[in-house]
Amino acid sequence: MILSFLSDYEHDDLLHLQQDRHLCAHPALVVTEEQILFQPIPELVRVHIVHAVKHLLQHPPTQGKKALDRIMDDINKDSFPNDCEDIHTFLHTKYFSSAKESLIRNFIIVLLKIILKDDVPEFSAKKPEILCALMAIAKDFDELYQYTMSEQLPKIAESLEDQQFYSSIFSLLKTDDRCWSWLNEPEKIRFNLLKYLINKE
């Protein structure tokens, strides 16, 4: 399971540290012309210390599933901001600065389902805030946002009933017109036909 904690080169650096640690700790003999205990030179020790601090120890704790529950609890509070800039500042400061990629991806999916399906009663009155929260993610994690939206939006949209489909897609498009490019062609045709019928009335 890939948890996105470390890059490949960070993993390699820490693996070398672990291997050298094993040579020092057991103690292991290094075969050379003479049998001597492995004793890393000071420069190597300093390199390992730098890598340990840089790759792991200097970073604050990352946030996962429990953080998602806390974010949604915050959004549901009366004290949650209703201005988009304030919402971005709130989420960026409290959650995004140390968030794992998996948290952001799951957050996008949860928000998208709330917007499209409207099946979580406690968030029915929070649609504007939910949309602003989605745009806050796009501002800080645009590549992940685009990938997740292009993957999830068509799947969810095609399962919606007409009225729900039109109103929810319409609100998304007003917030981010890129959503149009992430819909499948049948859903685009469906949306345009519903728009025509509604305007005709």
N, C-alpha and C. Protein backbone atom coordinates (compact mmCIF):
# COMPACT_ATOMS: atom_id res chain seq x y z
N MET A 1 0.85 -1.20 0.00
CA MET A 1 0.00 0.00 0.00
C MET A 1 0.88 1.24 0.00
N ILE A 2 0.65 2.18 -0.95
CA ILE A 2 1.45 3.37 -1.03
C ILE A 2 0.79 4.47 -0.19
N LEU A 3 1.50 4.99 0.78
CA LEU A 3 0.94 5.99 1.68
C LEU A 3 1.44 7.39 1.39
N SER A 4 2.36 7.55 0.44
CA SER A 4 2.87 8.85 0.02
C SER A 4 3.62 9.57 1.13
N PHE A 5 4.24 8.81 2.03
CA PHE A 5 5.03 9.45 3.08
C PHE A 5 6.36 9.94 2.54
N LEU A 6 7.01 9.14 1.67
CA LEU A 6 8.37 9.41 1.24
C LEU A 6 8.48 9.32 -0.28
N SER A 7 9.37 10.14 -0.83
CA SER A 7 9.71 9.98 -2.24
C SER A 7 10.68 8.82 -2.38
N ASP A 8 10.96 8.42 -3.61
CA ASP A 8 11.87 7.30 -3.84
C ASP A 8 13.27 7.58 -3.30
N TYR A 9 13.77 8.80 -3.55
CA TYR A 9 15.14 9.08 -3.09
C TYR A 9 15.20 9.20 -1.57
N GLU A 10 14.13 9.70 -0.94
CA GLU A 10 14.10 9.76 0.52
C GLU A 10 14.09 8.34 1.10
N HIS A 11 13.32 7.46 0.47
CA HIS A 11 13.28 6.07 0.90
C HIS A 11 14.66 5.43 0.80
N ASP A 12 15.37 5.71 -0.30
CA ASP A 12 16.70 5.14 -0.48
C ASP A 12 17.68 5.64 0.58
N ASP A 13 17.63 6.94 0.87
CA ASP A 13 18.50 7.50 1.90
C ASP A 13 18.27 6.84 3.25
N LEU A 14 17.02 6.67 3.63
CA LEU A 14 16.70 6.09 4.93
C LEU A 14 16.99 4.59 4.96
N LEU A 15 16.89 3.94 3.81
CA LEU A 15 17.24 2.52 3.73
C LEU A 15 18.74 2.34 3.97
N HIS A 16 19.56 3.22 3.40
CA HIS A 16 21.01 3.16 3.65
C HIS A 16 21.32 3.39 5.12
N LEU A 17 20.59 4.32 5.73
CA LEU A 17 20.77 4.57 7.16
C LEU A 17 20.45 3.30 7.96
N GLN A 18 19.35 2.65 7.61
CA GLN A 18 18.96 1.42 8.31
C GLN A 18 20.00 0.32 8.15
N GLN A 19 20.51 0.18 6.94
CA GLN A 19 21.53 -0.86 6.69
C GLN A 19 22.79 -0.61 7.50
N ASP A 20 23.24 0.64 7.54
CA ASP A 20 24.43 0.97 8.33
C ASP A 20 24.17 0.81 9.82
N ARG A 21 22.95 1.11 10.22
CA ARG A 21 22.58 0.93 11.63
C ARG A 21 22.68 -0.55 12.01
N HIS A 22 22.21 -1.44 11.13
CA HIS A 22 22.27 -2.87 11.39
C HIS A 22 23.72 -3.34 11.53
N LEU A 23 24.60 -2.80 10.67
CA LEU A 23 26.02 -3.17 10.74
C LEU A 23 26.63 -2.75 12.08
N CYS A 24 26.18 -1.62 12.60
CA CYS A 24 26.73 -1.12 13.87
C CYS A 24 26.14 -1.85 15.08
N ALA A 25 24.88 -2.26 14.97
CA ALA A 25 24.16 -2.70 16.17
C ALA A 25 24.34 -4.17 16.52
N HIS A 26 24.70 -5.06 15.60
CA HIS A 26 24.52 -6.49 15.89
C HIS A 26 25.65 -7.27 16.58
N PRO A 27 26.89 -6.93 16.65
CA PRO A 27 27.68 -6.15 15.69
C PRO A 27 28.06 -7.04 14.52
N ALA A 28 28.17 -6.48 13.36
CA ALA A 28 28.50 -7.26 12.17
C ALA A 28 29.95 -7.04 11.80
N LEU A 29 30.58 -8.06 11.23
CA LEU A 29 31.95 -7.96 10.77
C LEU A 29 31.98 -7.65 9.29
N VAL A 30 32.76 -6.70 8.91
CA VAL A 30 32.94 -6.38 7.51
C VAL A 30 34.18 -7.11 7.03
N VAL A 31 34.03 -7.88 5.96
CA VAL A 31 35.14 -8.68 5.48
C VAL A 31 36.05 -7.81 4.61
N THR A 32 37.24 -7.60 5.08
CA THR A 32 38.28 -6.93 4.30
C THR A 32 39.52 -7.80 4.44
N GLU A 33 40.70 -7.20 4.25
CA GLU A 33 41.92 -7.97 4.46
C GLU A 33 42.05 -8.38 5.92
N GLU A 34 41.47 -7.58 6.80
CA GLU A 34 41.45 -7.92 8.22
C GLU A 34 40.00 -7.91 8.69
N GLN A 35 39.71 -8.69 9.71
CA GLN A 35 38.37 -8.71 10.28
C GLN A 35 38.26 -7.57 11.30
N ILE A 36 37.45 -6.54 10.98
CA ILE A 36 37.27 -5.42 11.91
C ILE A 36 35.79 -5.12 12.06
N LEU A 37 35.44 -4.58 13.21
CA LEU A 37 34.06 -4.15 13.41
C LEU A 37 33.77 -2.94 12.53
N PHE A 38 32.53 -2.89 12.02
CA PHE A 38 32.14 -1.76 11.18
C PHE A 38 32.05 -0.50 12.02
N GLN A 39 32.78 0.52 11.65
CA GLN A 39 32.75 1.79 12.35
C GLN A 39 32.59 2.90 11.31
N PRO A 40 31.39 3.45 11.18
CA PRO A 40 31.17 4.48 10.16
C PRO A 40 32.01 5.72 10.45
N ILE A 41 32.50 6.33 9.42
CA ILE A 41 33.30 7.53 9.59
C ILE A 41 32.39 8.70 9.98
N PRO A 42 32.91 9.71 10.65
CA PRO A 42 32.07 10.83 11.11
C PRO A 42 31.27 11.50 9.99
N GLU A 43 31.86 11.62 8.81
CA GLU A 43 31.15 12.25 7.70
C GLU A 43 29.89 11.48 7.33
N LEU A 44 29.98 10.13 7.35
CA LEU A 44 28.83 9.30 7.03
C LEU A 44 27.75 9.45 8.10
N VAL A 45 28.17 9.51 9.36
CA VAL A 45 27.21 9.69 10.46
C VAL A 45 26.47 11.01 10.30
N ARG A 46 27.21 12.06 9.96
CA ARG A 46 26.58 13.37 9.78
C ARG A 46 25.58 13.37 8.63
N VAL A 47 25.95 12.66 7.55
CA VAL A 47 25.03 12.56 6.40
C VAL A 47 23.74 11.87 6.82
N HIS A 48 23.86 10.79 7.58
CA HIS A 48 22.65 10.07 8.03
C HIS A 48 21.80 10.95 8.94
N ILE A 49 22.42 11.72 9.80
CA ILE A 49 21.68 12.63 10.69
C ILE A 49 20.92 13.67 9.87
N VAL A 50 21.61 14.25 8.88
CA VAL A 50 20.96 15.24 8.02
C VAL A 50 19.76 14.64 7.30
N HIS A 51 19.93 13.42 6.75
CA HIS A 51 18.82 12.79 6.03
C HIS A 51 17.65 12.47 6.96
N ALA A 52 17.94 12.00 8.17
CA ALA A 52 16.87 11.67 9.12
C ALA A 52 16.07 12.91 9.49
N VAL A 53 16.77 14.01 9.73
CA VAL A 53 16.09 15.26 10.09
C VAL A 53 15.32 15.82 8.90
N LYS A 54 15.98 15.85 7.74
CA LYS A 54 15.37 16.46 6.55
C LYS A 54 14.15 15.69 6.07
N HIS A 55 14.25 14.36 6.04
CA HIS A 55 13.17 13.55 5.47
C HIS A 55 12.05 13.24 6.45
N LEU A 56 12.36 13.25 7.76
CA LEU A 56 11.35 12.82 8.73
C LEU A 56 11.16 13.78 9.90
N LEU A 57 12.23 14.03 10.65
CA LEU A 57 12.08 14.62 11.97
C LEU A 57 11.68 16.09 11.95
N GLN A 58 11.98 16.82 10.89
CA GLN A 58 11.65 18.24 10.87
C GLN A 58 10.19 18.50 10.52
N HIS A 59 9.47 17.46 10.04
CA HIS A 59 8.11 17.67 9.58
C HIS A 59 7.10 17.48 10.71
N PRO A 60 6.04 18.29 10.73
CA PRO A 60 4.97 18.07 11.72
C PRO A 60 4.21 16.80 11.39
N PRO A 61 3.41 16.28 12.32
CA PRO A 61 2.64 15.07 12.04
C PRO A 61 1.71 15.29 10.85
N THR A 62 1.64 14.29 9.97
CA THR A 62 0.70 14.38 8.87
C THR A 62 -0.69 13.98 9.33
N GLN A 63 -1.70 14.35 8.53
CA GLN A 63 -3.08 14.13 8.97
C GLN A 63 -3.76 13.15 8.03
N GLY A 64 -4.63 12.34 8.58
CA GLY A 64 -5.29 11.31 7.80
C GLY A 64 -6.80 11.32 7.96
N LYS A 65 -7.38 10.13 8.12
CA LYS A 65 -8.83 9.99 8.13
C LYS A 65 -9.49 10.76 9.27
N LYS A 66 -8.89 10.74 10.45
CA LYS A 66 -9.49 11.46 11.57
C LYS A 66 -9.55 12.95 11.28
N ALA A 67 -8.56 13.45 10.54
CA ALA A 67 -8.57 14.87 10.19
C ALA A 67 -9.76 15.19 9.28
N LEU A 68 -10.12 14.26 8.39
CA LEU A 68 -11.27 14.48 7.51
C LEU A 68 -12.55 14.65 8.33
N ASP A 69 -12.70 13.82 9.35
CA ASP A 69 -13.86 13.95 10.24
C ASP A 69 -13.86 15.31 10.94
N ARG A 70 -12.66 15.76 11.35
CA ARG A 70 -12.57 17.06 12.04
C ARG A 70 -12.89 18.21 11.08
N ILE A 71 -12.43 18.10 9.82
CA ILE A 71 -12.73 19.14 8.84
C ILE A 71 -14.24 19.25 8.63
N MET A 72 -14.90 18.10 8.45
CA MET A 72 -16.33 18.13 8.21
C MET A 72 -17.09 18.64 9.43
N ASP A 73 -16.60 18.33 10.63
CA ASP A 73 -17.20 18.88 11.85
C ASP A 73 -17.06 20.40 11.87
N ASP A 74 -15.88 20.88 11.46
CA ASP A 74 -15.66 22.33 11.42
C ASP A 74 -16.60 23.01 10.43
N ILE A 75 -16.74 22.42 9.24
CA ILE A 75 -17.61 23.01 8.22
C ILE A 75 -19.05 23.08 8.69
N ASN A 76 -19.45 22.12 9.49
CA ASN A 76 -20.84 22.05 9.96
C ASN A 76 -21.13 23.01 11.12
N LYS A 77 -20.10 23.62 11.67
CA LYS A 77 -20.30 24.55 12.80
C LYS A 77 -20.81 25.90 12.31
N ASP A 78 -21.58 26.58 13.16
CA ASP A 78 -22.04 27.92 12.84
C ASP A 78 -20.88 28.90 12.72
N SER A 79 -19.77 28.59 13.40
CA SER A 79 -18.62 29.50 13.40
C SER A 79 -17.73 29.32 12.18
N PHE A 80 -18.05 28.37 11.29
CA PHE A 80 -17.24 28.19 10.08
C PHE A 80 -17.46 29.39 9.17
N PRO A 81 -16.39 29.96 8.61
CA PRO A 81 -16.55 31.17 7.77
C PRO A 81 -17.40 30.92 6.54
N ASN A 82 -18.01 31.99 6.02
CA ASN A 82 -18.81 31.87 4.79
C ASN A 82 -18.24 32.67 3.63
N ASP A 83 -17.10 33.28 3.84
CA ASP A 83 -16.40 33.98 2.77
C ASP A 83 -15.33 33.06 2.20
N CYS A 84 -15.23 33.00 0.86
CA CYS A 84 -14.32 32.03 0.23
C CYS A 84 -12.86 32.26 0.61
N GLU A 85 -12.44 33.50 0.70
CA GLU A 85 -11.06 33.77 1.10
C GLU A 85 -10.80 33.32 2.53
N ASP A 86 -11.76 33.59 3.40
CA ASP A 86 -11.62 33.16 4.80
C ASP A 86 -11.62 31.65 4.91
N ILE A 87 -12.43 31.00 4.09
CA ILE A 87 -12.47 29.53 4.10
C ILE A 87 -11.12 28.97 3.66
N HIS A 88 -10.53 29.56 2.62
CA HIS A 88 -9.21 29.10 2.18
C HIS A 88 -8.18 29.29 3.28
N THR A 89 -8.17 30.45 3.90
CA THR A 89 -7.22 30.72 4.98
C THR A 89 -7.41 29.74 6.13
N PHE A 90 -8.65 29.48 6.49
CA PHE A 90 -8.97 28.56 7.59
C PHE A 90 -8.44 27.16 7.28
N LEU A 91 -8.79 26.63 6.11
CA LEU A 91 -8.40 25.26 5.76
C LEU A 91 -6.90 25.15 5.53
N HIS A 92 -6.33 26.13 4.86
CA HIS A 92 -4.89 26.11 4.58
C HIS A 92 -4.09 26.11 5.87
N THR A 93 -4.47 26.97 6.79
CA THR A 93 -3.72 27.12 8.04
C THR A 93 -3.90 25.93 8.97
N LYS A 94 -5.13 25.46 9.07
CA LYS A 94 -5.44 24.42 10.07
C LYS A 94 -5.17 23.01 9.56
N TYR A 95 -5.33 22.78 8.24
CA TYR A 95 -5.26 21.40 7.74
C TYR A 95 -4.30 21.19 6.57
N PHE A 96 -4.31 22.06 5.59
CA PHE A 96 -3.62 21.78 4.34
C PHE A 96 -2.09 21.78 4.47
N SER A 97 -1.55 22.56 5.39
CA SER A 97 -0.09 22.71 5.45
C SER A 97 0.63 21.41 5.80
N SER A 98 -0.07 20.47 6.45
CA SER A 98 0.57 19.20 6.80
C SER A 98 -0.26 18.00 6.37
N ALA A 99 -1.11 18.20 5.36
CA ALA A 99 -2.03 17.14 4.95
C ALA A 99 -1.38 16.15 4.01
N LYS A 100 -1.73 14.88 4.18
CA LYS A 100 -1.31 13.85 3.23
C LYS A 100 -2.17 13.95 1.97
N GLU A 101 -1.61 13.47 0.88
CA GLU A 101 -2.33 13.48 -0.39
C GLU A 101 -3.64 12.70 -0.27
N SER A 102 -3.63 11.61 0.48
CA SER A 102 -4.84 10.80 0.63
C SER A 102 -5.95 11.58 1.33
N LEU A 103 -5.59 12.44 2.28
CA LEU A 103 -6.60 13.26 2.96
C LEU A 103 -7.24 14.23 1.97
N ILE A 104 -6.42 14.90 1.17
CA ILE A 104 -6.96 15.87 0.22
C ILE A 104 -7.85 15.19 -0.80
N ARG A 105 -7.40 14.04 -1.31
CA ARG A 105 -8.22 13.30 -2.29
C ARG A 105 -9.57 12.91 -1.69
N ASN A 106 -9.57 12.36 -0.49
CA ASN A 106 -10.81 11.95 0.16
C ASN A 106 -11.71 13.15 0.46
N PHE A 107 -11.08 14.27 0.81
CA PHE A 107 -11.84 15.50 1.07
C PHE A 107 -12.55 15.96 -0.19
N ILE A 108 -11.86 15.93 -1.33
CA ILE A 108 -12.48 16.30 -2.61
C ILE A 108 -13.69 15.41 -2.89
N ILE A 109 -13.52 14.11 -2.71
CA ILE A 109 -14.61 13.17 -3.03
C ILE A 109 -15.81 13.40 -2.12
N VAL A 110 -15.57 13.60 -0.83
CA VAL A 110 -16.66 13.85 0.12
C VAL A 110 -17.42 15.13 -0.26
N LEU A 111 -16.68 16.21 -0.55
CA LEU A 111 -17.33 17.47 -0.92
C LEU A 111 -18.12 17.32 -2.21
N LEU A 112 -17.54 16.63 -3.19
CA LEU A 112 -18.21 16.46 -4.47
C LEU A 112 -19.51 15.67 -4.31
N LYS A 113 -19.49 14.64 -3.50
CA LYS A 113 -20.71 13.85 -3.27
C LYS A 113 -21.78 14.68 -2.57
N ILE A 114 -21.37 15.52 -1.63
CA ILE A 114 -22.34 16.38 -0.95
C ILE A 114 -22.98 17.35 -1.94
N ILE A 115 -22.16 17.94 -2.81
CA ILE A 115 -22.67 18.90 -3.79
C ILE A 115 -23.61 18.23 -4.78
N LEU A 116 -23.23 17.08 -5.29
CA LEU A 116 -24.00 16.43 -6.35
C LEU A 116 -25.21 15.65 -5.83
N LYS A 117 -25.00 14.89 -4.79
CA LYS A 117 -26.07 14.01 -4.32
C LYS A 117 -27.02 14.69 -3.33
N ASP A 118 -26.50 15.66 -2.58
CA ASP A 118 -27.30 16.38 -1.59
C ASP A 118 -28.06 15.42 -0.68
N ASP A 119 -27.36 14.39 -0.22
CA ASP A 119 -28.01 13.37 0.61
C ASP A 119 -27.51 13.36 2.05
N VAL A 120 -26.85 14.47 2.45
CA VAL A 120 -26.39 14.60 3.84
C VAL A 120 -27.12 15.81 4.42
N PRO A 121 -28.23 15.59 5.13
CA PRO A 121 -29.10 16.69 5.55
C PRO A 121 -28.39 17.81 6.32
N GLU A 122 -27.42 17.43 7.16
CA GLU A 122 -26.77 18.46 7.98
C GLU A 122 -25.94 19.46 7.17
N PHE A 123 -25.67 19.11 5.89
CA PHE A 123 -24.89 20.01 5.04
C PHE A 123 -25.74 20.69 3.96
N SER A 124 -27.04 20.49 4.00
CA SER A 124 -27.92 21.06 2.96
C SER A 124 -27.83 22.57 2.91
N ALA A 125 -27.68 23.20 4.06
CA ALA A 125 -27.62 24.66 4.11
C ALA A 125 -26.19 25.18 3.95
N LYS A 126 -25.25 24.28 3.71
CA LYS A 126 -23.83 24.66 3.64
C LYS A 126 -23.27 24.57 2.22
N LYS A 127 -24.13 24.52 1.22
CA LYS A 127 -23.65 24.36 -0.15
C LYS A 127 -22.64 25.44 -0.57
N PRO A 128 -22.90 26.72 -0.30
CA PRO A 128 -21.91 27.74 -0.69
C PRO A 128 -20.55 27.53 -0.04
N GLU A 129 -20.56 27.16 1.24
CA GLU A 129 -19.31 26.90 1.96
C GLU A 129 -18.60 25.67 1.41
N ILE A 130 -19.38 24.66 1.05
CA ILE A 130 -18.80 23.43 0.47
C ILE A 130 -18.12 23.75 -0.86
N LEU A 131 -18.76 24.54 -1.69
CA LEU A 131 -18.18 24.94 -2.97
C LEU A 131 -16.90 25.75 -2.77
N CYS A 132 -16.92 26.65 -1.79
CA CYS A 132 -15.71 27.43 -1.49
C CYS A 132 -14.59 26.53 -0.98
N ALA A 133 -14.93 25.53 -0.19
CA ALA A 133 -13.92 24.60 0.31
C ALA A 133 -13.30 23.82 -0.85
N LEU A 134 -14.12 23.46 -1.82
CA LEU A 134 -13.60 22.76 -3.01
C LEU A 134 -12.62 23.65 -3.77
N MET A 135 -12.95 24.94 -3.89
CA MET A 135 -12.07 25.88 -4.58
C MET A 135 -10.79 26.15 -3.76
N ALA A 136 -10.89 26.04 -2.44
CA ALA A 136 -9.69 26.19 -1.61
C ALA A 136 -8.71 25.06 -1.89
N ILE A 137 -9.25 23.86 -2.11
CA ILE A 137 -8.39 22.72 -2.47
C ILE A 137 -7.75 22.97 -3.83
N ALA A 138 -8.55 23.45 -4.79
CA ALA A 138 -8.02 23.72 -6.13
C ALA A 138 -6.89 24.75 -6.08
N LYS A 139 -7.01 25.69 -5.17
CA LYS A 139 -5.98 26.74 -5.06
C LYS A 139 -4.66 26.19 -4.56
N ASP A 140 -4.72 25.26 -3.63
CA ASP A 140 -3.50 24.73 -3.01
C ASP A 140 -3.00 23.43 -3.65
N PHE A 141 -3.91 22.65 -4.23
CA PHE A 141 -3.55 21.33 -4.76
C PHE A 141 -4.19 21.12 -6.13
N ASP A 142 -3.90 22.03 -7.06
CA ASP A 142 -4.65 22.04 -8.32
C ASP A 142 -4.46 20.76 -9.13
N GLU A 143 -3.25 20.22 -9.17
CA GLU A 143 -3.01 19.01 -9.96
C GLU A 143 -3.81 17.83 -9.41
N LEU A 144 -3.77 17.65 -8.10
CA LEU A 144 -4.54 16.58 -7.47
C LEU A 144 -6.04 16.83 -7.62
N TYR A 145 -6.44 18.08 -7.48
CA TYR A 145 -7.85 18.46 -7.65
C TYR A 145 -8.35 18.09 -9.04
N GLN A 146 -7.60 18.48 -10.07
CA GLN A 146 -8.02 18.19 -11.44
C GLN A 146 -8.09 16.69 -11.70
N TYR A 147 -7.11 15.96 -11.22
CA TYR A 147 -7.10 14.51 -11.44
C TYR A 147 -8.30 13.85 -10.76
N THR A 148 -8.54 14.21 -9.51
CA THR A 148 -9.62 13.57 -8.75
C THR A 148 -10.98 13.96 -9.30
N MET A 149 -11.15 15.22 -9.65
CA MET A 149 -12.43 15.67 -10.21
C MET A 149 -12.70 14.99 -11.55
N SER A 150 -11.71 14.92 -12.41
CA SER A 150 -11.92 14.30 -13.72
C SER A 150 -12.23 12.81 -13.60
N GLU A 151 -11.77 12.19 -12.53
CA GLU A 151 -12.03 10.77 -12.29
C GLU A 151 -13.39 10.54 -11.65
N GLN A 152 -13.76 11.38 -10.69
CA GLN A 152 -14.95 11.14 -9.88
C GLN A 152 -16.22 11.80 -10.40
N LEU A 153 -16.08 13.00 -10.97
CA LEU A 153 -17.28 13.74 -11.40
C LEU A 153 -18.13 12.95 -12.39
N PRO A 154 -17.58 12.36 -13.45
CA PRO A 154 -18.43 11.61 -14.39
C PRO A 154 -19.13 10.42 -13.75
N LYS A 155 -18.43 9.74 -12.85
CA LYS A 155 -19.02 8.55 -12.20
C LYS A 155 -20.24 8.93 -11.37
N ILE A 156 -20.11 10.01 -10.62
CA ILE A 156 -21.22 10.41 -9.74
C ILE A 156 -22.35 11.03 -10.55
N ALA A 157 -21.99 11.86 -11.54
CA ALA A 157 -23.00 12.59 -12.30
C ALA A 157 -23.95 11.67 -13.05
N GLU A 158 -23.43 10.60 -13.61
CA GLU A 158 -24.27 9.73 -14.44
C GLU A 158 -25.31 8.97 -13.63
N SER A 159 -25.17 8.94 -12.32
CA SER A 159 -26.12 8.21 -11.47
C SER A 159 -27.24 9.09 -10.94
N LEU A 160 -27.22 10.39 -11.25
CA LEU A 160 -28.17 11.33 -10.67
C LEU A 160 -29.45 11.43 -11.49
N GLU A 161 -30.55 11.71 -10.80
CA GLU A 161 -31.81 11.99 -11.48
C GLU A 161 -31.74 13.37 -12.12
N ASP A 162 -32.62 13.62 -13.10
CA ASP A 162 -32.50 14.82 -13.92
C ASP A 162 -32.42 16.13 -13.14
N GLN A 163 -33.39 16.38 -12.26
CA GLN A 163 -33.44 17.66 -11.57
C GLN A 163 -32.21 17.86 -10.68
N GLN A 164 -31.87 16.80 -9.99
CA GLN A 164 -30.68 16.83 -9.12
C GLN A 164 -29.42 17.02 -9.96
N PHE A 165 -29.36 16.33 -11.08
CA PHE A 165 -28.22 16.42 -11.97
C PHE A 165 -28.04 17.84 -12.48
N TYR A 166 -29.10 18.43 -12.99
CA TYR A 166 -28.98 19.76 -13.60
C TYR A 166 -28.58 20.82 -12.57
N SER A 167 -29.26 20.84 -11.43
CA SER A 167 -29.00 21.89 -10.44
C SER A 167 -27.60 21.77 -9.84
N SER A 168 -27.17 20.55 -9.59
CA SER A 168 -25.85 20.37 -8.97
C SER A 168 -24.73 20.66 -9.95
N ILE A 169 -24.86 20.20 -11.22
CA ILE A 169 -23.84 20.49 -12.23
C ILE A 169 -23.81 21.98 -12.53
N PHE A 170 -24.97 22.61 -12.55
CA PHE A 170 -25.04 24.05 -12.80
C PHE A 170 -24.28 24.82 -11.73
N SER A 171 -24.45 24.44 -10.47
CA SER A 171 -23.74 25.13 -9.38
C SER A 171 -22.24 24.89 -9.46
N LEU A 172 -21.84 23.68 -9.86
CA LEU A 172 -20.42 23.40 -10.04
C LEU A 172 -19.81 24.23 -11.17
N LEU A 173 -20.53 24.32 -12.28
CA LEU A 173 -20.02 25.06 -13.43
C LEU A 173 -19.88 26.54 -13.13
N LYS A 174 -20.79 27.09 -12.31
CA LYS A 174 -20.68 28.50 -11.93
C LYS A 174 -19.45 28.73 -11.08
N THR A 175 -19.06 27.70 -10.33
CA THR A 175 -17.90 27.82 -9.44
C THR A 175 -16.60 27.55 -10.16
N ASP A 176 -16.60 26.52 -11.04
CA ASP A 176 -15.40 26.15 -11.79
C ASP A 176 -15.82 25.60 -13.15
N ASP A 177 -15.67 26.42 -14.19
CA ASP A 177 -16.16 25.99 -15.51
C ASP A 177 -15.33 24.86 -16.12
N ARG A 178 -14.20 24.51 -15.49
CA ARG A 178 -13.42 23.37 -15.96
C ARG A 178 -14.19 22.06 -15.80
N CYS A 179 -15.17 22.07 -14.93
CA CYS A 179 -15.96 20.85 -14.69
C CYS A 179 -16.62 20.34 -15.96
N TRP A 180 -16.92 21.25 -16.88
CA TRP A 180 -17.55 20.84 -18.13
C TRP A 180 -16.68 19.85 -18.89
N SER A 181 -15.38 20.10 -18.92
CA SER A 181 -14.46 19.23 -19.66
C SER A 181 -14.31 17.86 -19.01
N TRP A 182 -14.70 17.74 -17.75
CA TRP A 182 -14.56 16.46 -17.04
C TRP A 182 -15.81 15.60 -17.12
N LEU A 183 -16.88 16.14 -17.69
CA LEU A 183 -18.09 15.34 -17.88
C LEU A 183 -17.95 14.48 -19.12
N ASN A 184 -18.61 13.31 -19.10
CA ASN A 184 -18.67 12.48 -20.29
C ASN A 184 -19.60 13.12 -21.32
N GLU A 185 -19.44 12.76 -22.58
CA GLU A 185 -20.27 13.34 -23.64
C GLU A 185 -21.77 13.11 -23.41
N PRO A 186 -22.19 11.90 -22.97
CA PRO A 186 -23.63 11.72 -22.72
C PRO A 186 -24.17 12.68 -21.66
N GLU A 187 -23.36 12.97 -20.64
CA GLU A 187 -23.80 13.88 -19.58
C GLU A 187 -23.85 15.32 -20.08
N LYS A 188 -22.95 15.68 -21.00
CA LYS A 188 -23.00 17.02 -21.59
C LYS A 188 -24.28 17.19 -22.41
N ILE A 189 -24.61 16.16 -23.20
CA ILE A 189 -25.84 16.20 -24.00
C ILE A 189 -27.05 16.30 -23.09
N ARG A 190 -27.03 15.51 -22.04
CA ARG A 190 -28.13 15.50 -21.07
C ARG A 190 -28.29 16.87 -20.42
N PHE A 191 -27.20 17.47 -20.03
CA PHE A 191 -27.25 18.78 -19.38
C PHE A 191 -27.82 19.84 -20.33
N ASN A 192 -27.34 19.84 -21.58
CA ASN A 192 -27.80 20.83 -22.55
C ASN A 192 -29.29 20.68 -22.85
N LEU A 193 -29.76 19.44 -22.91
CA LEU A 193 -31.18 19.21 -23.16
C LEU A 193 -32.02 19.69 -21.98
N LEU A 194 -31.58 19.38 -20.77
CA LEU A 194 -32.29 19.85 -19.57
C LEU A 194 -32.30 21.37 -19.50
N LYS A 195 -31.19 21.97 -19.87
CA LYS A 195 -31.11 23.44 -19.87
C LYS A 195 -32.10 24.01 -20.86
N TYR A 196 -32.21 23.40 -22.03
CA TYR A 196 -33.15 23.87 -23.05
C TYR A 196 -34.59 23.74 -22.55
N LEU A 197 -34.91 22.61 -21.95
CA LEU A 197 -36.29 22.38 -21.47
C LEU A 197 -36.64 23.34 -20.34
N ILE A 198 -35.71 23.59 -19.47
CA ILE A 198 -35.97 24.52 -18.34
C ILE A 198 -36.14 25.93 -18.86
N ASN A 199 -35.29 26.36 -19.77
CA ASN A 199 -35.42 27.71 -20.32
C ASN A 199 -36.68 27.87 -21.15
N LYS A 200 -37.12 26.78 -21.77
CA LYS A 200 -38.34 26.82 -22.58
C LYS A 200 -39.57 27.07 -21.73
N GLU A 201 -39.50 26.53 -20.50
CA GLU A 201 -40.64 26.72 -19.60
C GLU A 201 -40.76 28.16 -19.16
